[in-house]
C-alpha atoms as a PDB file:
ATOM      1  CA  MET A   1      -5.405  13.193 -17.607  1.00  0.00           C
ATOM      2  CA  ILE A   2      -3.611  10.173 -15.004  1.00  0.00           C
ATOM      3  CA  GLU A   3      -0.436  10.717 -16.434  1.00  0.00           C
ATOM      4  CA  ALA A   4      -0.041  14.294 -16.278  1.00  0.00           C
ATOM      5  CA  ALA A   5      -1.363  14.368 -12.383  1.00  0.00           C
ATOM      6  CA  ALA A   6       0.447  11.441 -11.161  1.00  0.00           C
ATOM      7  CA  ARG A   7       3.882  13.066 -12.848  1.00  0.00           C
ATOM      8  CA  ARG A   8       2.920  16.117 -11.224  1.00  0.00           C
ATOM      9  CA  VAL A   9       2.609  14.405  -8.040  1.00  0.00           C
ATOM     10  CA  THR A  10       5.832  12.438  -8.323  1.00  0.00           C
ATOM     11  CA  ASP A  11       7.953  15.918  -9.110  1.00  0.00           C
ATOM     12  CA  ASN A  12       6.154  17.453  -6.064  1.00  0.00           C
ATOM     13  CA  ILE A  13       6.851  14.137  -3.418  1.00  0.00           C
ATOM     14  CA  GLN A  14      10.737  14.347  -5.208  1.00  0.00           C
ATOM     15  CA  LYS A  15      11.166  17.554  -3.522  1.00  0.00           C
ATOM     16  CA  VAL A  16      12.021  15.565  -0.340  1.00  0.00           C
ATOM     17  CA  ILE A  17      12.403  12.057  -1.553  1.00  0.00           C
ATOM     18  CA  ILE A  18      15.540  11.274  -3.515  1.00  0.00           C
ATOM     19  CA  GLY A  19      15.257   8.822  -6.029  1.00  0.00           C
ATOM     20  CA  LYS A  20      12.918   6.281  -4.962  1.00  0.00           C
ATOM     21  CA  LEU A  21      10.566   6.737  -8.588  1.00  0.00           C
ATOM     22  CA  GLU A  22       9.917   3.033  -9.142  1.00  0.00           C
ATOM     23  CA  THR A  23       8.557   2.948  -5.350  1.00  0.00           C
ATOM     24  CA  ILE A  24       6.610   6.613  -5.750  1.00  0.00           C
ATOM     25  CA  ARG A  25       4.676   5.155  -8.934  1.00  0.00           C
ATOM     26  CA  LEU A  26       3.939   2.090  -6.356  1.00  0.00           C
ATOM     27  CA  LEU A  27       2.233   4.501  -4.337  1.00  0.00           C
ATOM     28  CA  LEU A  28       0.150   6.130  -6.893  1.00  0.00           C
ATOM     29  CA  VAL A  29      -0.820   2.662  -7.661  1.00  0.00           C
ATOM     30  CA  ALA A  30      -2.385   2.176  -4.542  1.00  0.00           C
ATOM     31  CA  VAL A  31      -4.110   5.387  -4.498  1.00  0.00           C
ATOM     32  CA  LEU A  32      -5.571   4.486  -8.053  1.00  0.00           C
ATOM     33  CA  CYS A  33      -6.799   1.769  -6.516  1.00  0.00           C
ATOM     34  CA  GLU A  34      -7.869   2.835  -3.759  1.00  0.00           C
ATOM     35  CA  GLY A  35      -5.731   0.026  -2.065  1.00  0.00           C
ATOM     36  CA  HIS A  36      -3.394  -0.527   0.453  1.00  0.00           C
ATOM     37  CA  ILE A  37       0.398  -0.444   1.168  1.00  0.00           C
ATOM     38  CA  LEU A  38       3.041  -1.807   3.059  1.00  0.00           C
ATOM     39  CA  LEU A  39       6.285  -0.767   3.253  1.00  0.00           C
ATOM     40  CA  GLU A  40       8.608  -3.030   4.841  1.00  0.00           C
ATOM     41  CA  ASP A  41      12.221  -1.907   5.516  1.00  0.00           C
ATOM     42  CA  VAL A  42      14.542  -1.494   8.142  1.00  0.00           C
ATOM     43  CA  PRO A  43      14.516   1.951   9.927  1.00  0.00           C
ATOM     44  CA  GLY A  44      16.120   5.075   8.448  1.00  0.00           C
ATOM     45  CA  THR A  45      14.786   4.617   4.927  1.00  0.00           C
ATOM     46  CA  GLY A  46      12.482   7.552   4.444  1.00  0.00           C
ATOM     47  CA  LYS A  47       8.975   5.227   5.483  1.00  0.00           C
ATOM     48  CA  THR A  48       7.501   7.812   7.148  1.00  0.00           C
ATOM     49  CA  THR A  49       8.378  11.075   5.316  1.00  0.00           C
ATOM     50  CA  LEU A  50       7.315   9.008   1.777  1.00  0.00           C
ATOM     51  CA  ALA A  51       4.146   8.624   3.290  1.00  0.00           C
ATOM     52  CA  ARG A  52       2.965  12.517   4.888  1.00  0.00           C
ATOM     53  CA  SER A  53       4.823  13.593   1.096  1.00  0.00           C
ATOM     54  CA  LEU A  54       2.068  11.413  -0.295  1.00  0.00           C
ATOM     55  CA  ALA A  55      -0.760  13.046   1.776  1.00  0.00           C
ATOM     56  CA  VAL A  56       0.173  15.918   1.785  1.00  0.00           C
ATOM     57  CA  SER A  57       0.803  15.925  -2.170  1.00  0.00           C
ATOM     58  CA  LEU A  58      -2.592  14.728  -2.805  1.00  0.00           C
ATOM     59  CA  GLY A  59      -4.175  17.503   0.272  1.00  0.00           C
ATOM     60  CA  CYS A  60      -5.313  14.947   2.494  1.00  0.00           C
ATOM     61  CA  SER A  61      -5.711  14.524   5.936  1.00  0.00           C
ATOM     62  CA  PHE A  62      -2.886  12.351   7.052  1.00  0.00           C
ATOM     63  CA  ARG A  63      -2.240  10.944  10.880  1.00  0.00           C
ATOM     64  CA  ARG A  64       0.248   8.639  12.035  1.00  0.00           C
ATOM     65  CA  ILE A  65      -0.644   5.317  14.803  1.00  0.00           C
ATOM     66  CA  GLN A  66       2.384   4.122  16.681  1.00  0.00           C
ATOM     67  CA  PHE A  67       1.796   0.985  17.036  1.00  0.00           C
ATOM     68  CA  THR A  68       3.643  -0.313  20.508  1.00  0.00           C
ATOM     69  CA  PRO A  69       1.826  -3.177  22.507  1.00  0.00           C
ATOM     70  CA  ASP A  70       0.098  -1.693  25.109  1.00  0.00           C
ATOM     71  CA  LEU A  71      -1.713   0.347  21.941  1.00  0.00           C
ATOM     72  CA  LEU A  72      -5.859  -0.831  22.063  1.00  0.00           C
ATOM     73  CA  PRO A  73      -8.283  -1.299  19.676  1.00  0.00           C
ATOM     74  CA  THR A  74     -10.463   1.702  20.745  1.00  0.00           C
ATOM     75  CA  ASP A  75      -7.091   4.491  20.322  1.00  0.00           C
ATOM     76  CA  ILE A  76      -7.277   3.534  16.554  1.00  0.00           C
ATOM     77  CA  THR A  77     -10.917   3.851  16.060  1.00  0.00           C
ATOM     78  CA  GLY A  78     -11.789   6.370  18.614  1.00  0.00           C
ATOM     79  CA  LEU A  79     -14.239   5.612  21.630  1.00  0.00           C
ATOM     80  CA  SER A  80     -17.199   7.431  23.569  1.00  0.00           C
ATOM     81  CA  TRP A  81     -16.995   9.832  26.042  1.00  0.00           C
ATOM     82  CA  PHE A  82     -19.653  10.964  28.947  1.00  0.00           C
ATOM     83  CA  ASN A  83     -19.882  14.677  28.223  1.00  0.00           C
ATOM     84  CA  GLN A  84     -20.959  16.119  31.828  1.00  0.00           C
ATOM     85  CA  LYS A  85     -22.372  19.250  30.435  1.00  0.00           C
ATOM     86  CA  THR A  86     -24.785  17.945  28.694  1.00  0.00           C
ATOM     87  CA  SER A  87     -25.044  14.653  30.221  1.00  0.00           C
ATOM     88  CA  GLU A  88     -24.707  12.583  26.920  1.00  0.00           C
ATOM     89  CA  PHE A  89     -22.532  10.420  25.565  1.00  0.00           C
ATOM     90  CA  GLU A  90     -20.236  11.843  22.609  1.00  0.00           C
ATOM     91  CA  HIS A  91     -17.967   9.730  20.113  1.00  0.00           C
ATOM     92  CA  ARG A  92     -14.215  11.357  19.765  1.00  0.00           C
ATOM     93  CA  PRO A  93     -13.254   9.950  16.281  1.00  0.00           C
ATOM     94  CA  GLY A  94      -9.841   7.629  16.626  1.00  0.00           C
ATOM     95  CA  PRO A  95      -6.714   8.314  14.038  1.00  0.00           C
ATOM     96  CA  VAL A  96      -8.862   6.078  11.981  1.00  0.00           C
ATOM     97  CA  THR A  97     -10.739   8.312  10.477  1.00  0.00           C
ATOM     98  CA  ALA A  98      -8.406  10.516   8.502  1.00  0.00           C
ATOM     99  CA  GLN A  99      -8.043   9.915   4.585  1.00  0.00           C
ATOM    100  CA  VAL A 100      -4.024   8.306   4.705  1.00  0.00           C
ATOM    101  CA  VAL A 101      -2.983   6.860   8.068  1.00  0.00           C
ATOM    102  CA  LEU A 102       0.401   5.714   8.569  1.00  0.00           C
ATOM    103  CA  ALA A 103      -0.058   2.900  10.278  1.00  0.00           C
ATOM    104  CA  ASP A 104       4.338   3.024  12.102  1.00  0.00           C
ATOM    105  CA  GLU A 105       5.568  -0.496  12.868  1.00  0.00           C
ATOM    106  CA  ILE A 106       2.328  -2.407  12.683  1.00  0.00           C
ATOM    107  CA  ASN A 107       3.972  -5.978  13.689  1.00  0.00           C
ATOM    108  CA  ARG A 108       4.699  -4.319  17.017  1.00  0.00           C
ATOM    109  CA  ALA A 109       0.558  -4.011  17.691  1.00  0.00           C
ATOM    110  CA  THR A 110      -1.093  -6.930  19.436  1.00  0.00           C
ATOM    111  CA  PRO A 111      -3.568  -9.467  17.068  1.00  0.00           C
ATOM    112  CA  ARG A 112      -6.536  -7.389  18.880  1.00  0.00           C
ATOM    113  CA  THR A 113      -5.455  -4.203  17.870  1.00  0.00           C
ATOM    114  CA  GLN A 114      -4.161  -5.038  14.580  1.00  0.00           C
ATOM    115  CA  SER A 115      -7.381  -6.416  14.122  1.00  0.00           C
ATOM    116  CA  ALA A 116      -8.835  -3.254  14.210  1.00  0.00           C
ATOM    117  CA  LEU A 117      -7.965  -2.005  11.200  1.00  0.00           C
ATOM    118  CA  LEU A 118      -9.766  -4.809   8.908  1.00  0.00           C
ATOM    119  CA  GLU A 119     -13.010  -3.502   8.921  1.00  0.00           C
ATOM    120  CA  ALA A 120     -11.219  -0.083   8.149  1.00  0.00           C
ATOM    121  CA  MET A 121      -8.995  -1.239   5.379  1.00  0.00           C
ATOM    122  CA  GLN A 122     -11.663  -3.718   3.682  1.00  0.00           C
ATOM    123  CA  GLU A 123     -15.264  -2.314   4.236  1.00  0.00           C
ATOM    124  CA  ARG A 124     -14.221   1.757   4.750  1.00  0.00           C
ATOM    125  CA  GLN A 125     -16.427   2.279   7.613  1.00  0.00           C
ATOM    126  CA  VAL A 126     -15.472   1.893  11.397  1.00  0.00           C
ATOM    127  CA  THR A 127     -17.879   0.557  14.074  1.00  0.00           C
ATOM    128  CA  ALA A 128     -17.431   1.337  17.941  1.00  0.00           C
ATOM    129  CA  ASP A 129     -19.896   1.678  20.678  1.00  0.00           C
ATOM    130  CA  GLY A 130     -22.350  -0.761  18.119  1.00  0.00           C
ATOM    131  CA  VAL A 131     -22.615   3.017  15.834  1.00  0.00           C
ATOM    132  CA  THR A 132     -21.367   2.223  12.196  1.00  0.00           C
ATOM    133  CA  ARG A 133     -19.229   5.221  10.462  1.00  0.00           C
ATOM    134  CA  PRO A 134     -18.139   5.540   7.299  1.00  0.00           C
ATOM    135  CA  LEU A 135     -14.722   6.667   5.938  1.00  0.00           C
ATOM    136  CA  GLU A 136     -13.819  10.044   4.161  1.00  0.00           C
ATOM    137  CA  ARG A 137     -12.608   9.021   0.787  1.00  0.00           C
ATOM    138  CA  PRO A 138     -10.233   8.104  -0.769  1.00  0.00           C
ATOM    139  CA  PHE A 139      -8.999   6.228   2.117  1.00  0.00           C
ATOM    140  CA  ILE A 140      -5.485   4.394   2.581  1.00  0.00           C
ATOM    141  CA  VAL A 141      -3.531   2.821   5.243  1.00  0.00           C
ATOM    142  CA  ILE A 142       0.335   3.206   4.245  1.00  0.00           C
ATOM    143  CA  ALA A 143       1.663   0.733   7.657  1.00  0.00           C
ATOM    144  CA  THR A 144       5.464  -0.068   7.526  1.00  0.00           C
ATOM    145  CA  GLN A 145       7.359  -3.177   9.566  1.00  0.00           C
ATOM    146  CA  ASN A 146      10.326  -3.866  10.061  1.00  0.00           C
ATOM    147  CA  PRO A 147      11.454  -6.974   8.939  1.00  0.00           C
ATOM    148  CA  VAL A 148      14.242  -7.280  10.496  1.00  0.00           C
ATOM    149  CA  GLU A 149      13.749  -6.909  14.234  1.00  0.00           C
ATOM    150  CA  LEU A 150      11.602 -10.278  15.690  1.00  0.00           C
ATOM    151  CA  GLU A 151      11.659  -9.075  18.922  1.00  0.00           C
ATOM    152  CA  GLY A 152       8.508  -7.910  20.909  1.00  0.00           C
ATOM    153  CA  THR A 153       6.203  -8.152  17.405  1.00  0.00           C
ATOM    154  CA  PHE A 154       3.273 -10.419  16.361  1.00  0.00           C
ATOM    155  CA  PRO A 155       3.476 -10.960  12.883  1.00  0.00           C
ATOM    156  CA  LEU A 156       0.515  -9.997  10.676  1.00  0.00           C
ATOM    157  CA  PRO A 157      -1.864 -12.992  10.086  1.00  0.00           C
ATOM    158  CA  GLU A 158      -2.337 -14.076   6.153  1.00  0.00           C
ATOM    159  CA  ALA A 159      -6.103 -12.199   6.353  1.00  0.00           C
ATOM    160  CA  GLN A 160      -4.345  -9.104   6.991  1.00  0.00           C
ATOM    161  CA  ILE A 161      -1.798  -9.107   5.080  1.00  0.00           C
ATOM    162  CA  ASP A 162      -4.025  -9.797   2.119  1.00  0.00           C
ATOM    163  CA  ARG A 163      -5.284  -6.816   2.370  1.00  0.00           C
ATOM    164  CA  PHE A 164      -2.549  -4.509   1.209  1.00  0.00           C
ATOM    165  CA  LEU A 165      -2.707  -4.235  -1.976  1.00  0.00           C
ATOM    166  CA  LEU A 166       1.066  -4.226  -2.451  1.00  0.00           C
ATOM    167  CA  ARG A 167       4.476  -5.070  -0.554  1.00  0.00           C
ATOM    168  CA  VAL A 168       7.216  -2.496  -0.856  1.00  0.00           C
ATOM    169  CA  ALA A 169      10.699  -2.552   0.240  1.00  0.00           C
ATOM    170  CA  LEU A 170      12.855   1.033  -0.155  1.00  0.00           C
ATOM    171  CA  GLY A 171      15.821  -0.098   0.426  1.00  0.00           C
ATOM    172  CA  TYR A 172      19.539   2.260   0.672  1.00  0.00           C
ATOM    173  CA  PRO A 173      20.032   5.114  -1.299  1.00  0.00           C
ATOM    174  CA  ASP A 174      23.102   4.447  -3.632  1.00  0.00           C
ATOM    175  CA  GLN A 175      25.644   6.948  -3.266  1.00  0.00           C
ATOM    176  CA  ALA A 176      24.633  10.150  -5.341  1.00  0.00           C
ATOM    177  CA  GLU A 177      21.163   9.621  -3.736  1.00  0.00           C
ATOM    178  CA  GLU A 178      23.085   9.940   0.116  1.00  0.00           C
ATOM    179  CA  ASN A 179      25.065  12.721  -1.053  1.00  0.00           C
ATOM    180  CA  ALA A 180      21.844  14.560  -2.171  1.00  0.00           C
ATOM    181  CA  ILE A 181      20.044  13.043   0.810  1.00  0.00           C
ATOM    182  CA  LEU A 182      22.673  14.817   2.979  1.00  0.00           C
ATOM    183  CA  GLU A 183      22.863  18.413   0.646  1.00  0.00           C
ATOM    184  CA  ARG A 184      19.305  18.765   0.696  1.00  0.00           C
ATOM    185  CA  PHE A 185      18.570  18.408   4.573  1.00  0.00           C
ATOM    186  CA  ARG A 186      21.425  20.344   5.571  1.00  0.00           C
ATOM    187  CA  ALA A 187      19.433  23.456   5.652  1.00  0.00           C
ATOM    188  CA  SER A 188      16.525  23.018   6.722  1.00  0.00           C
ATOM    189  CA  ASP A 189      13.755  19.817   6.200  1.00  0.00           C
ATOM    190  CA  PRO A 190      11.737  20.588   3.153  1.00  0.00           C
ATOM    191  CA  LEU A 191       8.672  18.220   3.957  1.00  0.00           C
ATOM    192  CA  PRO A 192       6.988  21.566   5.899  1.00  0.00           C
ATOM    193  CA  GLU A 193       7.267  23.351   3.017  1.00  0.00           C
ATOM    194  CA  LEU A 194       5.622  21.386   0.437  1.00  0.00           C
ATOM    195  CA  GLN A 195       2.259  22.485  -0.846  1.00  0.00           C
ATOM    196  CA  PRO A 196      -0.919  20.383  -2.103  1.00  0.00           C
ATOM    197  CA  VAL A 197      -0.578  19.836  -5.816  1.00  0.00           C
ATOM    198  CA  ALA A 198      -4.190  17.974  -6.162  1.00  0.00           C
ATOM    199  CA  GLY A 199      -7.341  17.542  -3.755  1.00  0.00           C
ATOM    200  CA  PRO A 200      -9.433  14.418  -2.715  1.00  0.00           C
ATOM    201  CA  ALA A 201     -11.955  15.665  -5.179  1.00  0.00           C
ATOM    202  CA  ASP A 202      -8.871  14.459  -7.695  1.00  0.00           C
ATOM    203  CA  VAL A 203      -8.061  11.778  -6.357  1.00  0.00           C
ATOM    204  CA  LEU A 204     -11.559   9.949  -6.666  1.00  0.00           C
ATOM    205  CA  GLU A 205     -11.635  11.640 -10.291  1.00  0.00           C
ATOM    206  CA  TRP A 206      -8.398   9.303 -10.921  1.00  0.00           C
ATOM    207  CA  ILE A 207      -9.858   6.241  -9.322  1.00  0.00           C
ATOM    208  CA  GLY A 208     -13.187   6.577 -11.294  1.00  0.00           C
ATOM    209  CA  ALA A 209     -10.899   7.488 -14.606  1.00  0.00           C
ATOM    210  CA  ARG A 210      -8.937   4.426 -13.692  1.00  0.00           C
ATOM    211  CA  ARG A 211     -11.480   2.053 -13.914  1.00  0.00           C
ATOM    212  CA  GLN A 212     -12.068   2.911 -17.356  1.00  0.00           C
ATOM    213  CA  VAL A 213      -8.605   1.535 -18.868  1.00  0.00           C
ATOM    214  CA  ARG A 214      -9.477  -1.585 -20.979  1.00  0.00           C
ATOM    215  CA  VAL A 215      -8.087  -4.902 -20.429  1.00  0.00           C
ATOM    216  CA  GLU A 216      -8.214  -7.467 -23.171  1.00  0.00           C
ATOM    217  CA  GLU A 217      -9.943 -10.488 -22.919  1.00  0.00           C
ATOM    218  CA  SER A 218      -6.238 -12.055 -23.479  1.00  0.00           C
ATOM    219  CA  VAL A 219      -4.120 -10.061 -21.331  1.00  0.00           C
ATOM    220  CA  ARG A 220      -7.329 -10.998 -18.274  1.00  0.00           C
ATOM    221  CA  ASP A 221      -6.558 -14.414 -18.918  1.00  0.00           C
ATOM    222  CA  TYR A 222      -3.215 -13.653 -18.754  1.00  0.00           C
ATOM    223  CA  ILE A 223      -3.665 -12.254 -14.990  1.00  0.00           C
ATOM    224  CA  VAL A 224      -5.768 -15.378 -13.899  1.00  0.00           C
ATOM    225  CA  ARG A 225      -2.999 -18.063 -15.475  1.00  0.00           C
ATOM    226  CA  ILE A 226      -0.463 -16.204 -13.563  1.00  0.00           C
ATOM    227  CA  ALA A 227      -2.511 -16.140 -10.198  1.00  0.00           C
ATOM    228  CA  ARG A 228      -3.348 -20.562 -10.862  1.00  0.00           C
ATOM    229  CA  ALA A 229       0.158 -20.629 -11.468  1.00  0.00           C
ATOM    230  CA  THR A 230       1.419 -19.992  -7.730  1.00  0.00           C
ATOM    231  CA  ARG A 231      -1.096 -22.211  -6.802  1.00  0.00           C
ATOM    232  CA  GLN A 232      -0.213 -24.960  -8.811  1.00  0.00           C
ATOM    233  CA  ASN A 233       3.512 -24.129  -7.812  1.00  0.00           C
ATOM    234  CA  PRO A 234       5.192 -27.244  -4.989  1.00  0.00           C
ATOM    235  CA  ASP A 235       7.050 -24.821  -3.882  1.00  0.00           C
ATOM    236  CA  ILE A 236       4.368 -22.751  -2.474  1.00  0.00           C
ATOM    237  CA  GLN A 237       1.582 -24.142   0.409  1.00  0.00           C
ATOM    238  CA  LEU A 238      -0.963 -21.391   0.215  1.00  0.00           C
ATOM    239  CA  GLY A 239      -0.858 -19.612  -3.462  1.00  0.00           C
ATOM    240  CA  ALA A 240      -2.738 -16.257  -4.580  1.00  0.00           C
ATOM    241  CA  SER A 241      -6.702 -15.801  -4.095  1.00  0.00           C
ATOM    242  CA  PRO A 242      -9.106 -14.093  -6.039  1.00  0.00           C
ATOM    243  CA  ARG A 243      -9.051 -11.329  -3.765  1.00  0.00           C
ATOM    244  CA  ALA A 244      -4.912 -11.333  -5.492  1.00  0.00           C
ATOM    245  CA  SER A 245      -6.674 -11.964  -9.249  1.00  0.00           C
ATOM    246  CA  LEU A 246      -8.538  -9.117  -8.643  1.00  0.00           C
ATOM    247  CA  ALA A 247      -5.278  -7.003  -7.143  1.00  0.00           C
ATOM    248  CA  LEU A 248      -3.218  -7.566  -9.891  1.00  0.00           C
ATOM    249  CA  TYR A 249      -5.825  -6.510 -12.323  1.00  0.00           C
ATOM    250  CA  GLN A 250      -6.478  -2.993 -11.108  1.00  0.00           C
ATOM    251  CA  SER A 251      -2.816  -2.431 -10.135  1.00  0.00           C
ATOM    252  CA  ALA A 252      -1.925  -3.242 -14.074  1.00  0.00           C
ATOM    253  CA  GLN A 253      -4.910  -0.656 -15.014  1.00  0.00           C
ATOM    254  CA  ALA A 254      -3.118   1.572 -12.413  1.00  0.00           C
ATOM    255  CA  TRP A 255       0.470   1.150 -13.751  1.00  0.00           C
ATOM    256  CA  ALA A 256      -0.606   1.480 -17.555  1.00  0.00           C
ATOM    257  CA  ALA A 257      -2.686   4.445 -16.399  1.00  0.00           C
ATOM    258  CA  ILE A 258       0.135   6.719 -15.249  1.00  0.00           C
ATOM    259  CA  HIS A 259       2.221   5.477 -18.502  1.00  0.00           C
ATOM    260  CA  GLY A 260      -0.139   6.882 -20.005  1.00  0.00           C
ATOM    261  CA  ARG A 261      -1.900   3.997 -21.910  1.00  0.00           C
ATOM    262  CA  ALA A 262      -5.554   3.515 -21.406  1.00  0.00           C
ATOM    263  CA  TYR A 263      -5.002  -0.303 -22.568  1.00  0.00           C
ATOM    264  CA  VAL A 264      -3.046  -3.109 -20.102  1.00  0.00           C
ATOM    265  CA  LEU A 265      -0.324  -4.395 -21.426  1.00  0.00           C
ATOM    266  CA  PRO A 266       1.467  -7.776 -20.672  1.00  0.00           C
ATOM    267  CA  ASP A 267       4.501  -5.756 -19.182  1.00  0.00           C
ATOM    268  CA  ASP A 268       2.499  -3.708 -16.940  1.00  0.00           C
ATOM    269  CA  VAL A 269       1.224  -7.117 -15.859  1.00  0.00           C
ATOM    270  CA  LYS A 270       5.102  -8.539 -15.656  1.00  0.00           C
ATOM    271  CA  GLN A 271       5.673  -4.666 -13.787  1.00  0.00           C
ATOM    272  CA  VAL A 272       3.273  -5.323 -10.531  1.00  0.00           C
ATOM    273  CA  ALA A 273       3.668  -9.054  -9.997  1.00  0.00           C
ATOM    274  CA  PRO A 274       5.942  -9.199  -7.621  1.00  0.00           C
ATOM    275  CA  PRO A 275       4.704  -6.048  -4.997  1.00  0.00           C
ATOM    276  CA  VAL A 276       0.937  -7.304  -5.883  1.00  0.00           C
ATOM    277  CA  LEU A 277       1.417 -10.846  -5.190  1.00  0.00           C
ATOM    278  CA  SER A 278       4.860 -12.042  -3.021  1.00  0.00           C
ATOM    279  CA  HIS A 279       3.722 -10.937   0.332  1.00  0.00           C
ATOM    280  CA  ARG A 280       0.504 -13.280  -0.530  1.00  0.00           C
ATOM    281  CA  LEU A 281       2.299 -16.430  -0.740  1.00  0.00           C
ATOM    282  CA  VAL A 282       3.458 -19.268   1.836  1.00  0.00           C
ATOM    283  CA  ILE A 283       6.366 -20.980   1.004  1.00  0.00           C
ATOM    284  CA  SER A 284       7.080 -24.347   1.371  1.00  0.00           C
ATOM    285  CA  PRO A 285       9.135 -24.962   4.268  1.00  0.00           C
ATOM    286  CA  GLN A 286      11.778 -27.306   1.787  1.00  0.00           C
ATOM    287  CA  ALA A 287      11.769 -24.235  -0.561  1.00  0.00           C
ATOM    288  CA  GLN A 288      12.813 -21.618   2.241  1.00  0.00           C
ATOM    289  CA  LEU A 289      15.705 -24.388   3.257  1.00  0.00           C
ATOM    290  CA  ARG A 290      17.109 -23.958  -0.289  1.00  0.00           C
ATOM    291  CA  GLY A 291      17.173 -19.845  -0.032  1.00  0.00           C
ATOM    292  CA  ARG A 292      14.163 -19.312  -1.960  1.00  0.00           C
ATOM    293  CA  SER A 293      12.311 -15.951  -2.002  1.00  0.00           C
ATOM    294  CA  ALA A 294       8.117 -15.531  -2.908  1.00  0.00           C
ATOM    295  CA  ALA A 295       9.072 -12.290  -4.811  1.00  0.00           C
ATOM    296  CA  GLU A 296      12.254 -15.072  -7.011  1.00  0.00           C
ATOM    297  CA  LEU A 297       9.166 -17.555  -7.506  1.00  0.00           C
ATOM    298  CA  VAL A 298       7.064 -15.301  -8.660  1.00  0.00           C
ATOM    299  CA  GLY A 299       9.666 -13.804 -11.050  1.00  0.00           C
ATOM    300  CA  ASP A 300      10.010 -17.730 -12.519  1.00  0.00           C
ATOM    301  CA  ILE A 301       6.083 -18.259 -12.355  1.00  0.00           C
ATOM    302  CA  VAL A 302       5.550 -14.517 -14.794  1.00  0.00           C
ATOM    303  CA  ALA A 303       8.580 -15.775 -17.111  1.00  0.00           C
ATOM    304  CA  ALA A 304       7.272 -18.902 -17.348  1.00  0.00           C
ATOM    305  CA  VAL A 305       3.585 -18.099 -18.324  1.00  0.00           C
ATOM    306  CA  PRO A 306       3.469 -17.672 -22.074  1.00  0.00           C
ATOM    307  CA  VAL A 307       2.532 -13.806 -22.829  1.00  0.00           C
ATOM    308  CA  PRO A 308      -0.722 -13.664 -24.843  1.00  0.00           C
ATOM    309  CA  VAL A 309       0.364 -12.215 -28.249  1.00  0.00           C
ATOM    310  CA  GLU A 310      -1.407 -10.011 -30.667  1.00  0.00           C
ATOM    311  CA  GLY A 311      -3.080 -11.842 -33.424  1.00  0.00           C
END
């Protein structure tokens, strides 16, 4: 069921997005885990278009929040205002109440405003003026940030970065893909004509089906050994948390599901480990001086941890 649905959503998104099949599949992993995703790349690579295409394809409500230094927490969560006609305070919901929320350039807002997203991302609820309101499911935050431009930005704290299930970089298209982009957008933008191929109820059903994907004890132990290896690596100051282990477990389930399997293979774990773990690690200064990246270290760890074998 999930494999056919994933293929249908992927084909629909690719009516707008050229290539990027791996990235689209990772977005679907986040959807199946009802997790959040951090898209980190330079401007103009299609991050916003990809987020909007996903929301339209899933038939979910979509809101975009442009993060700026003067953005206030109430601009995200909503506020109460006094209605003079009724002589009562009324709550005006903020954009975070949508099912797919694009937090554009999230690192441009102050830490106080960034933290306004924490409760929504973790608890799937919003508290404003002392009243807690649950958010409509599915609820997914897609945040973007520019890794190159640092002036006027506020780096995300580790606590907030850890709330993102995946971090993905789109990268530049190759020559053939860039030519195809120019041809596709020659006459008009295809995004306004995109139609949903699913609905929120379908997404919730897929999430339930993902939870039924079987993970054998040996594969589960493999996931734990990878997470523990990040805590023992001398090049890593802060290793993967138990939340990271759970994220790796769920993401491997989702990767297996979209490929039509009811069980997780070690290769599924290997495939999703870099986007799940790399942004959660703090690299030692010595490793940074040697030019090592978190993704490279995760790759080394995955290659070094023995893979479980049958029998």
